[in-house]
Amino acid sequence: MEERRLETATFAGGCFWCTEAVFQRVEGVEEVTSGFTGGNIKNPPYREVVTGRTGHAESVNIKFDPEKVTFEDLVNIFFATHDPTTLNRQQNDVGTHYRSAIFYHSEEQKKTAQKVVKRLEEEKTFSDPIVTEITEAGTFYEAEQEHHDYYNQNRNQPYCRVIIDPKVQKLMHKFSAKVKPAT
């Protein structure tokens, strides 16, 4: 039996709990890990990242099957489920660690991300310019265990109901063909 070849995508779209919850529901996404990347400190703990002094962004590292979902699909979902026009901010979450970023793992991913940004800007999808950084992926540091699978384990928390639920609903509505069947 032939082994599937998974690819990696890394996105930062504000709070990693939100981004994780969205991508966990995408068909073809095999694994979503919350963590930090883009900064200058090795193995940063959450309490340091949220100070904004590490340079890291709250991010998710995604393992996906390109035969089931393309990187371009993932980029489109990423842009549709957060605000890529606010610099270092997503709703009430403010700071460089909440920036919008695509950390590409190949030249092909870089070109795809740039192509999607260009299309969204030409279509005037957003009323303000996209400020998402497109940067080469570096080392990804996994967050502490309490940050993994947060939404699925804490759906009744106010943050989950007010901030994450609408993002998940947007995914379900706008990308229903890409959503995993309910189990």
C-alpha atoms as a PDB file:
ATOM      1  CA  MET A   1       0.000   0.000   0.000  1.00  0.00           C
ATOM      2  CA  GLU A   2       1.360   3.388  -0.984  1.00  0.00           C
ATOM      3  CA  GLU A   3       1.943   5.844   1.849  1.00  0.00           C
ATOM      4  CA  ARG A   4       0.312   9.262   1.539  1.00  0.00           C
ATOM      5  CA  ARG A   5       2.677  12.186   1.316  1.00  0.00           C
ATOM      6  CA  LEU A   6       1.559  14.936   3.668  1.00  0.00           C
ATOM      7  CA  GLU A   7       2.636  18.547   3.224  1.00  0.00           C
ATOM      8  CA  THR A   8       3.026  21.259   5.848  1.00  0.00           C
ATOM      9  CA  ALA A   9       1.393  24.676   6.006  1.00  0.00           C
ATOM     10  CA  THR A  10       1.895  27.259   8.754  1.00  0.00           C
ATOM     11  CA  PHE A  11      -0.498  30.140   9.397  1.00  0.00           C
ATOM     12  CA  ALA A  12      -0.826  32.886  12.001  1.00  0.00           C
ATOM     13  CA  GLY A  13      -4.235  34.535  12.096  1.00  0.00           C
ATOM     14  CA  GLY A  14      -4.587  35.922  15.594  1.00  0.00           C
ATOM     15  CA  CYS A  15      -5.268  33.584  18.484  1.00  0.00           C
ATOM     16  CA  PHE A  16      -4.117  30.072  17.632  1.00  0.00           C
ATOM     17  CA  TRP A  17      -7.188  28.588  19.309  1.00  0.00           C
ATOM     18  CA  CYS A  18      -9.282  30.154  16.524  1.00  0.00           C
ATOM     19  CA  THR A  19      -7.033  29.109  13.668  1.00  0.00           C
ATOM     20  CA  GLU A  20      -6.704  25.584  15.058  1.00  0.00           C
ATOM     21  CA  ALA A  21     -10.499  25.193  15.398  1.00  0.00           C
ATOM     22  CA  VAL A  22     -11.056  26.214  11.773  1.00  0.00           C
ATOM     23  CA  PHE A  23      -8.416  23.976  10.200  1.00  0.00           C
ATOM     24  CA  GLN A  24      -9.303  20.941  12.339  1.00  0.00           C
ATOM     25  CA  ARG A  25     -12.579  20.849  10.414  1.00  0.00           C
ATOM     26  CA  VAL A  26     -11.092  20.918   6.898  1.00  0.00           C
ATOM     27  CA  GLU A  27     -11.205  17.716   4.842  1.00  0.00           C
ATOM     28  CA  GLY A  28      -7.662  16.624   4.027  1.00  0.00           C
ATOM     29  CA  VAL A  29      -6.120  18.254   7.090  1.00  0.00           C
ATOM     30  CA  GLU A  30      -4.627  15.414   9.085  1.00  0.00           C
ATOM     31  CA  GLU A  31      -3.079  17.316  12.001  1.00  0.00           C
ATOM     32  CA  VAL A  32      -3.176  20.839  13.447  1.00  0.00           C
ATOM     33  CA  THR A  33      -0.675  21.865  16.106  1.00  0.00           C
ATOM     34  CA  SER A  34      -0.806  25.157  18.000  1.00  0.00           C
ATOM     35  CA  GLY A  35       2.472  26.894  18.656  1.00  0.00           C
ATOM     36  CA  PHE A  36       4.757  29.786  17.875  1.00  0.00           C
ATOM     37  CA  THR A  37       7.003  30.796  14.988  1.00  0.00           C
ATOM     38  CA  GLY A  38       8.546  33.848  13.379  1.00  0.00           C
ATOM     39  CA  GLY A  39      10.490  35.048  16.399  1.00  0.00           C
ATOM     40  CA  ASN A  40      13.957  35.001  17.843  1.00  0.00           C
ATOM     41  CA  ILE A  41      13.734  32.958  21.061  1.00  0.00           C
ATOM     42  CA  LYS A  42      14.073  29.165  21.185  1.00  0.00           C
ATOM     43  CA  ASN A  43      11.265  27.175  22.851  1.00  0.00           C
ATOM     44  CA  PRO A  44       9.279  30.201  24.019  1.00  0.00           C
ATOM     45  CA  PRO A  45       6.607  29.611  26.640  1.00  0.00           C
ATOM     46  CA  TYR A  46       3.166  31.128  26.053  1.00  0.00           C
ATOM     47  CA  ARG A  47       3.608  33.576  28.952  1.00  0.00           C
ATOM     48  CA  GLU A  48       6.631  35.099  27.154  1.00  0.00           C
ATOM     49  CA  VAL A  49       5.098  35.124  23.665  1.00  0.00           C
ATOM     50  CA  VAL A  50       2.084  37.138  24.857  1.00  0.00           C
ATOM     51  CA  THR A  51       4.400  39.907  26.094  1.00  0.00           C
ATOM     52  CA  GLY A  52       5.147  40.628  22.424  1.00  0.00           C
ATOM     53  CA  ARG A  53       8.893  40.660  23.086  1.00  0.00           C
ATOM     54  CA  THR A  54       9.804  37.295  21.503  1.00  0.00           C
ATOM     55  CA  GLY A  55       8.940  38.197  17.914  1.00  0.00           C
ATOM     56  CA  HIS A  56       6.890  35.008  17.629  1.00  0.00           C
ATOM     57  CA  ALA A  57       3.318  34.817  16.375  1.00  0.00           C
ATOM     58  CA  GLU A  58       0.683  32.468  17.719  1.00  0.00           C
ATOM     59  CA  SER A  59       0.508  30.018  14.818  1.00  0.00           C
ATOM     60  CA  VAL A  60      -0.701  26.644  13.687  1.00  0.00           C
ATOM     61  CA  ASN A  61       1.353  24.025  11.915  1.00  0.00           C
ATOM     62  CA  ILE A  62      -0.847  21.957   9.616  1.00  0.00           C
ATOM     63  CA  LYS A  63      -0.155  18.570   8.052  1.00  0.00           C
ATOM     64  CA  PHE A  64      -2.410  18.085   5.027  1.00  0.00           C
ATOM     65  CA  ASP A  65      -2.998  15.674   2.178  1.00  0.00           C
ATOM     66  CA  PRO A  66      -2.594  17.675  -1.072  1.00  0.00           C
ATOM     67  CA  GLU A  67      -4.698  15.095  -2.903  1.00  0.00           C
ATOM     68  CA  LYS A  68      -7.683  16.070  -0.735  1.00  0.00           C
ATOM     69  CA  VAL A  69      -7.093  19.787  -0.143  1.00  0.00           C
ATOM     70  CA  THR A  70      -4.689  22.113  -1.920  1.00  0.00           C
ATOM     71  CA  PHE A  71      -2.462  24.697  -0.302  1.00  0.00           C
ATOM     72  CA  GLU A  72      -4.433  27.310  -2.247  1.00  0.00           C
ATOM     73  CA  ASP A  73      -7.657  26.024  -0.641  1.00  0.00           C
ATOM     74  CA  LEU A  74      -6.032  26.405   2.777  1.00  0.00           C
ATOM     75  CA  VAL A  75      -4.896  29.947   1.977  1.00  0.00           C
ATOM     76  CA  ASN A  76      -8.421  30.880   0.836  1.00  0.00           C
ATOM     77  CA  ILE A  77      -9.881  29.455   4.060  1.00  0.00           C
ATOM     78  CA  PHE A  78      -7.238  31.318   6.079  1.00  0.00           C
ATOM     79  CA  PHE A  79      -8.158  34.667   4.500  1.00  0.00           C
ATOM     80  CA  ALA A  80     -11.901  34.063   4.851  1.00  0.00           C
ATOM     81  CA  THR A  81     -11.780  33.231   8.558  1.00  0.00           C
ATOM     82  CA  HIS A  82      -9.774  36.141  10.001  1.00  0.00           C
ATOM     83  CA  ASP A  83      -9.210  39.829   9.241  1.00  0.00           C
ATOM     84  CA  PRO A  84      -6.004  40.142   7.210  1.00  0.00           C
ATOM     85  CA  THR A  85      -6.286  43.946   7.086  1.00  0.00           C
ATOM     86  CA  THR A  86      -5.617  44.763  10.748  1.00  0.00           C
ATOM     87  CA  LEU A  87      -1.939  45.055  11.646  1.00  0.00           C
ATOM     88  CA  ASN A  88      -1.058  43.050  14.746  1.00  0.00           C
ATOM     89  CA  ARG A  89      -4.672  42.671  15.812  1.00  0.00           C
ATOM     90  CA  GLN A  90      -7.603  40.286  15.607  1.00  0.00           C
ATOM     91  CA  GLN A  91     -10.670  41.664  17.385  1.00  0.00           C
ATOM     92  CA  ASN A  92      -9.656  42.243  21.038  1.00  0.00           C
ATOM     93  CA  ASP A  93      -6.362  40.369  20.676  1.00  0.00           C
ATOM     94  CA  VAL A  94      -3.660  43.001  20.106  1.00  0.00           C
ATOM     95  CA  GLY A  95       0.100  42.696  19.623  1.00  0.00           C
ATOM     96  CA  THR A  96       2.681  41.428  17.147  1.00  0.00           C
ATOM     97  CA  HIS A  97       2.071  37.884  18.420  1.00  0.00           C
ATOM     98  CA  TYR A  98      -1.453  38.147  16.922  1.00  0.00           C
ATOM     99  CA  ARG A  99      -0.270  39.242  13.471  1.00  0.00           C
ATOM    100  CA  SER A 100      -1.555  37.771  10.237  1.00  0.00           C
ATOM    101  CA  ALA A 101       1.122  35.702   8.515  1.00  0.00           C
ATOM    102  CA  ILE A 102       1.674  32.862   6.095  1.00  0.00           C
ATOM    103  CA  PHE A 103       4.935  31.056   6.772  1.00  0.00           C
ATOM    104  CA  TYR A 104       5.685  29.296   3.495  1.00  0.00           C
ATOM    105  CA  HIS A 105       7.577  26.005   3.230  1.00  0.00           C
ATOM    106  CA  SER A 106       8.437  26.181  -0.496  1.00  0.00           C
ATOM    107  CA  GLU A 107       8.687  28.650  -3.351  1.00  0.00           C
ATOM    108  CA  GLU A 108       5.454  27.164  -4.688  1.00  0.00           C
ATOM    109  CA  GLN A 109       3.642  27.998  -1.436  1.00  0.00           C
ATOM    110  CA  LYS A 110       5.098  31.522  -1.516  1.00  0.00           C
ATOM    111  CA  LYS A 111       3.886  32.087  -5.086  1.00  0.00           C
ATOM    112  CA  THR A 112       0.446  30.648  -4.264  1.00  0.00           C
ATOM    113  CA  ALA A 113       0.060  32.920  -1.231  1.00  0.00           C
ATOM    114  CA  GLN A 114       1.129  35.961  -3.267  1.00  0.00           C
ATOM    115  CA  LYS A 115      -1.289  35.002  -6.068  1.00  0.00           C
ATOM    116  CA  VAL A 116      -4.214  34.735  -3.638  1.00  0.00           C
ATOM    117  CA  VAL A 117      -3.374  38.097  -2.036  1.00  0.00           C
ATOM    118  CA  LYS A 118      -3.189  39.722  -5.475  1.00  0.00           C
ATOM    119  CA  ARG A 119      -6.558  38.229  -6.477  1.00  0.00           C
ATOM    120  CA  LEU A 120      -8.239  39.318  -3.228  1.00  0.00           C
ATOM    121  CA  GLU A 121      -6.882  42.846  -3.627  1.00  0.00           C
ATOM    122  CA  GLU A 122      -7.918  43.054  -7.304  1.00  0.00           C
ATOM    123  CA  GLU A 123     -11.411  41.817  -6.381  1.00  0.00           C
ATOM    124  CA  LYS A 124     -11.504  44.331  -3.506  1.00  0.00           C
ATOM    125  CA  THR A 125     -12.591  41.524  -1.175  1.00  0.00           C
ATOM    126  CA  PHE A 126     -11.604  43.684   1.798  1.00  0.00           C
ATOM    127  CA  SER A 127     -12.186  47.423   2.124  1.00  0.00           C
ATOM    128  CA  ASP A 128      -8.653  47.926   3.498  1.00  0.00           C
ATOM    129  CA  PRO A 129      -5.306  46.641   2.187  1.00  0.00           C
ATOM    130  CA  ILE A 130      -4.153  43.155   3.218  1.00  0.00           C
ATOM    131  CA  VAL A 131      -1.274  43.382   5.719  1.00  0.00           C
ATOM    132  CA  THR A 132      -0.593  39.642   6.010  1.00  0.00           C
ATOM    133  CA  GLU A 133       3.120  38.958   6.005  1.00  0.00           C
ATOM    134  CA  ILE A 134       4.334  36.193   3.702  1.00  0.00           C
ATOM    135  CA  THR A 135       7.550  34.902   5.226  1.00  0.00           C
ATOM    136  CA  GLU A 136       9.695  31.817   4.890  1.00  0.00           C
ATOM    137  CA  ALA A 137       8.911  29.274   7.595  1.00  0.00           C
ATOM    138  CA  GLY A 138      11.453  28.868  10.350  1.00  0.00           C
ATOM    139  CA  THR A 139      11.422  26.694  13.429  1.00  0.00           C
ATOM    140  CA  PHE A 140       7.957  25.975  14.792  1.00  0.00           C
ATOM    141  CA  TYR A 141       7.684  25.582  18.565  1.00  0.00           C
ATOM    142  CA  GLU A 142       4.735  23.630  19.902  1.00  0.00           C
ATOM    143  CA  ALA A 143       2.644  25.389  22.550  1.00  0.00           C
ATOM    144  CA  GLU A 144       1.990  23.926  25.962  1.00  0.00           C
ATOM    145  CA  GLN A 145      -0.552  21.091  26.117  1.00  0.00           C
ATOM    146  CA  GLU A 146      -3.384  23.226  27.531  1.00  0.00           C
ATOM    147  CA  HIS A 147      -3.453  25.155  24.231  1.00  0.00           C
ATOM    148  CA  HIS A 148      -4.054  22.071  22.075  1.00  0.00           C
ATOM    149  CA  ASP A 149      -7.572  21.217  20.914  1.00  0.00           C
ATOM    150  CA  TYR A 150      -8.768  24.176  22.978  1.00  0.00           C
ATOM    151  CA  TYR A 151     -12.032  24.929  21.199  1.00  0.00           C
ATOM    152  CA  ASN A 152     -13.164  21.313  21.065  1.00  0.00           C
ATOM    153  CA  GLN A 153     -12.578  20.956  24.802  1.00  0.00           C
ATOM    154  CA  ASN A 154     -13.928  24.365  25.877  1.00  0.00           C
ATOM    155  CA  ARG A 155     -16.831  25.236  23.546  1.00  0.00           C
ATOM    156  CA  ASN A 156     -18.905  26.786  26.323  1.00  0.00           C
ATOM    157  CA  GLN A 157     -16.202  29.252  27.355  1.00  0.00           C
ATOM    158  CA  PRO A 158     -17.271  32.835  26.479  1.00  0.00           C
ATOM    159  CA  TYR A 159     -14.211  33.378  24.233  1.00  0.00           C
ATOM    160  CA  CYS A 160     -15.059  30.255  22.254  1.00  0.00           C
ATOM    161  CA  ARG A 161     -18.718  31.188  21.848  1.00  0.00           C
ATOM    162  CA  VAL A 162     -18.120  34.836  20.947  1.00  0.00           C
ATOM    163  CA  ILE A 163     -14.865  34.725  18.953  1.00  0.00           C
ATOM    164  CA  ILE A 164     -14.281  31.195  17.641  1.00  0.00           C
ATOM    165  CA  ASP A 165     -17.855  30.045  16.893  1.00  0.00           C
ATOM    166  CA  PRO A 166     -18.370  32.706  14.172  1.00  0.00           C
ATOM    167  CA  LYS A 167     -15.122  31.686  12.433  1.00  0.00           C
ATOM    168  CA  VAL A 168     -16.141  28.029  12.450  1.00  0.00           C
ATOM    169  CA  GLN A 169     -19.610  28.967  11.169  1.00  0.00           C
ATOM    170  CA  LYS A 170     -18.054  31.026   8.366  1.00  0.00           C
ATOM    171  CA  LEU A 171     -15.998  27.987   7.358  1.00  0.00           C
ATOM    172  CA  MET A 172     -19.092  25.765   7.400  1.00  0.00           C
ATOM    173  CA  HIS A 173     -21.085  28.232   5.304  1.00  0.00           C
ATOM    174  CA  LYS A 174     -18.488  29.442   2.805  1.00  0.00           C
ATOM    175  CA  PHE A 175     -16.462  26.239   2.371  1.00  0.00           C
ATOM    176  CA  SER A 176     -19.003  23.497   3.082  1.00  0.00           C
ATOM    177  CA  ALA A 177     -17.523  21.260   0.361  1.00  0.00           C
ATOM    178  CA  LYS A 178     -14.161  21.328   2.176  1.00  0.00           C
ATOM    179  CA  VAL A 179     -15.514  20.516   5.656  1.00  0.00           C
ATOM    180  CA  LYS A 180     -14.995  17.092   7.207  1.00  0.00           C
ATOM    181  CA  PRO A 181     -18.195  15.109   7.709  1.00  0.00           C
ATOM    182  CA  ALA A 182     -19.543  15.284  11.262  1.00  0.00           C
ATOM    183  CA  THR A 183     -18.644  12.296  13.373  1.00  0.00           C
END
